[in-house]
Amino acid sequence: MNIQPLADRVLITPAPAEEKTVGGIIIPDTAKEKPLQGTVVAVGEGKKDEPMILKAGDTVLYGKYAGTEIEYDGEKYLVMRQSDVVAILK
């Protein structure tokens, strides 16, 4: 991975949006609900007063509007602060 988040930021691969059909009609990407779950790919070093709790490989839940979407090498990622993550799934 060539992206290294800084400070208290994490890089997350969002879970794919569920493919839903309504009566045989496929719902377009623009109408799909944004996933609220993903996998941590890389983490920053944390802050002096806030150590990094998350680690690469964690499956997490985050807020609906959390993070900044980026695209790198054809893959979509989210960059967000550790505090935007609301839970770790175990």
C-alpha atoms as a PDB file:
ATOM      1  CA  MET A   1       0.000   0.000   0.000  1.00  0.00           C
ATOM      2  CA  ASN A   2       1.448   3.342  -1.054  1.00  0.00           C
ATOM      3  CA  ILE A   3      -0.943   5.453   1.024  1.00  0.00           C
ATOM      4  CA  GLN A   4       0.041   6.152   4.626  1.00  0.00           C
ATOM      5  CA  PRO A   5      -2.514   8.103   6.678  1.00  0.00           C
ATOM      6  CA  LEU A   6      -1.158  10.780   9.003  1.00  0.00           C
ATOM      7  CA  ALA A   7      -1.858  11.434  12.694  1.00  0.00           C
ATOM      8  CA  ASP A   8      -5.218  10.001  13.788  1.00  0.00           C
ATOM      9  CA  ARG A   9      -6.512   9.176  10.301  1.00  0.00           C
ATOM     10  CA  VAL A  10      -7.353   5.733   8.920  1.00  0.00           C
ATOM     11  CA  LEU A  11      -7.742   4.406   5.372  1.00  0.00           C
ATOM     12  CA  ILE A  12     -10.817   2.201   4.905  1.00  0.00           C
ATOM     13  CA  THR A  13     -12.081   0.054   2.059  1.00  0.00           C
ATOM     14  CA  PRO A  14     -15.880   0.397   2.162  1.00  0.00           C
ATOM     15  CA  ALA A  15     -17.962  -2.768   1.951  1.00  0.00           C
ATOM     16  CA  PRO A  16     -19.681  -3.032  -1.437  1.00  0.00           C
ATOM     17  CA  ALA A  17     -23.227  -1.665  -1.640  1.00  0.00           C
ATOM     18  CA  GLU A  18     -25.859  -4.370  -1.696  1.00  0.00           C
ATOM     19  CA  GLU A  19     -27.287  -5.183  -5.116  1.00  0.00           C
ATOM     20  CA  LYS A  20     -31.036  -4.774  -4.812  1.00  0.00           C
ATOM     21  CA  THR A  21     -33.731  -5.303  -7.366  1.00  0.00           C
ATOM     22  CA  VAL A  22     -37.336  -4.231  -7.173  1.00  0.00           C
ATOM     23  CA  GLY A  23     -39.625  -6.361  -9.288  1.00  0.00           C
ATOM     24  CA  GLY A  24     -36.827  -7.190 -11.722  1.00  0.00           C
ATOM     25  CA  ILE A  25     -35.614  -3.573 -11.975  1.00  0.00           C
ATOM     26  CA  ILE A  26     -31.984  -3.032 -10.990  1.00  0.00           C
ATOM     27  CA  ILE A  27     -31.491   0.046  -8.817  1.00  0.00           C
ATOM     28  CA  PRO A  28     -28.766   2.342 -10.229  1.00  0.00           C
ATOM     29  CA  ASP A  29     -25.593   3.153  -8.248  1.00  0.00           C
ATOM     30  CA  THR A  30     -26.808   6.682  -7.506  1.00  0.00           C
ATOM     31  CA  ALA A  31     -29.858   5.350  -5.649  1.00  0.00           C
ATOM     32  CA  LYS A  32     -27.998   2.732  -3.600  1.00  0.00           C
ATOM     33  CA  GLU A  33     -27.492   3.324   0.086  1.00  0.00           C
ATOM     34  CA  LYS A  34     -23.946   4.148   1.062  1.00  0.00           C
ATOM     35  CA  PRO A  35     -22.398   1.294   3.092  1.00  0.00           C
ATOM     36  CA  LEU A  36     -21.616   2.033   6.724  1.00  0.00           C
ATOM     37  CA  GLN A  37     -19.113  -0.795   7.176  1.00  0.00           C
ATOM     38  CA  GLY A  38     -15.610  -1.331   5.899  1.00  0.00           C
ATOM     39  CA  THR A  39     -12.164  -2.781   6.488  1.00  0.00           C
ATOM     40  CA  VAL A  40      -9.221  -0.750   7.780  1.00  0.00           C
ATOM     41  CA  VAL A  41      -6.342  -0.903   5.279  1.00  0.00           C
ATOM     42  CA  ALA A  42      -3.825   1.461   6.896  1.00  0.00           C
ATOM     43  CA  VAL A  43      -3.600   3.635  10.016  1.00  0.00           C
ATOM     44  CA  GLY A  44      -1.656   6.699  11.087  1.00  0.00           C
ATOM     45  CA  GLU A  45       0.539   6.868  14.171  1.00  0.00           C
ATOM     46  CA  GLY A  46      -2.091   8.555  16.337  1.00  0.00           C
ATOM     47  CA  LYS A  47      -1.794  11.776  18.308  1.00  0.00           C
ATOM     48  CA  LYS A  48       0.250  12.444  21.407  1.00  0.00           C
ATOM     49  CA  ASP A  49      -2.880  12.632  23.571  1.00  0.00           C
ATOM     50  CA  GLU A  50      -4.903  10.030  21.595  1.00  0.00           C
ATOM     51  CA  PRO A  51      -3.221   6.697  20.797  1.00  0.00           C
ATOM     52  CA  MET A  52      -4.283   4.733  17.727  1.00  0.00           C
ATOM     53  CA  ILE A  53      -6.724   1.991  18.742  1.00  0.00           C
ATOM     54  CA  LEU A  54      -7.538   0.726  15.247  1.00  0.00           C
ATOM     55  CA  LYS A  55      -5.238  -1.538  13.267  1.00  0.00           C
ATOM     56  CA  ALA A  56      -5.111  -2.800   9.691  1.00  0.00           C
ATOM     57  CA  GLY A  57      -7.578  -5.623   9.119  1.00  0.00           C
ATOM     58  CA  ASP A  58     -10.227  -4.384  11.594  1.00  0.00           C
ATOM     59  CA  THR A  59     -13.805  -4.412  10.315  1.00  0.00           C
ATOM     60  CA  VAL A  60     -15.459  -1.204  11.451  1.00  0.00           C
ATOM     61  CA  LEU A  61     -18.719   0.738  11.406  1.00  0.00           C
ATOM     62  CA  TYR A  62     -18.649   4.469  10.687  1.00  0.00           C
ATOM     63  CA  GLY A  63     -21.085   7.351  10.333  1.00  0.00           C
ATOM     64  CA  LYS A  64     -23.106   7.850   7.156  1.00  0.00           C
ATOM     65  CA  TYR A  65     -21.298  11.041   6.131  1.00  0.00           C
ATOM     66  CA  ALA A  66     -17.898  10.249   7.653  1.00  0.00           C
ATOM     67  CA  GLY A  67     -14.674  10.483   5.725  1.00  0.00           C
ATOM     68  CA  THR A  68     -13.426  11.703   2.386  1.00  0.00           C
ATOM     69  CA  GLU A  69     -13.757   9.443  -0.638  1.00  0.00           C
ATOM     70  CA  ILE A  70     -10.619   8.936  -2.712  1.00  0.00           C
ATOM     71  CA  GLU A  71      -9.765   6.690  -5.640  1.00  0.00           C
ATOM     72  CA  TYR A  72      -6.280   5.188  -6.015  1.00  0.00           C
ATOM     73  CA  ASP A  73      -5.248   2.617  -8.651  1.00  0.00           C
ATOM     74  CA  GLY A  74      -8.905   2.055  -9.539  1.00  0.00           C
ATOM     75  CA  GLU A  75      -9.907   1.221  -5.938  1.00  0.00           C
ATOM     76  CA  LYS A  76     -12.214   3.404  -3.838  1.00  0.00           C
ATOM     77  CA  TYR A  77     -11.214   4.243  -0.269  1.00  0.00           C
ATOM     78  CA  LEU A  78     -12.354   6.443   2.594  1.00  0.00           C
ATOM     79  CA  VAL A  79      -9.971   8.514   4.689  1.00  0.00           C
ATOM     80  CA  MET A  80     -11.377   9.519   8.069  1.00  0.00           C
ATOM     81  CA  ARG A  81     -10.360  10.341  11.595  1.00  0.00           C
ATOM     82  CA  GLN A  82     -10.302   7.529  14.137  1.00  0.00           C
ATOM     83  CA  SER A  83     -13.026   9.387  16.055  1.00  0.00           C
ATOM     84  CA  ASP A  84     -15.410   9.022  13.065  1.00  0.00           C
ATOM     85  CA  VAL A  85     -15.350   5.242  13.532  1.00  0.00           C
ATOM     86  CA  VAL A  86     -18.168   4.249  15.873  1.00  0.00           C
ATOM     87  CA  ALA A  87     -17.453   0.526  16.439  1.00  0.00           C
ATOM     88  CA  ILE A  88     -15.143  -2.393  15.695  1.00  0.00           C
ATOM     89  CA  LEU A  89     -16.907  -5.587  14.614  1.00  0.00           C
ATOM     90  CA  LYS A  90     -15.492  -8.743  16.159  1.00  0.00           C
END
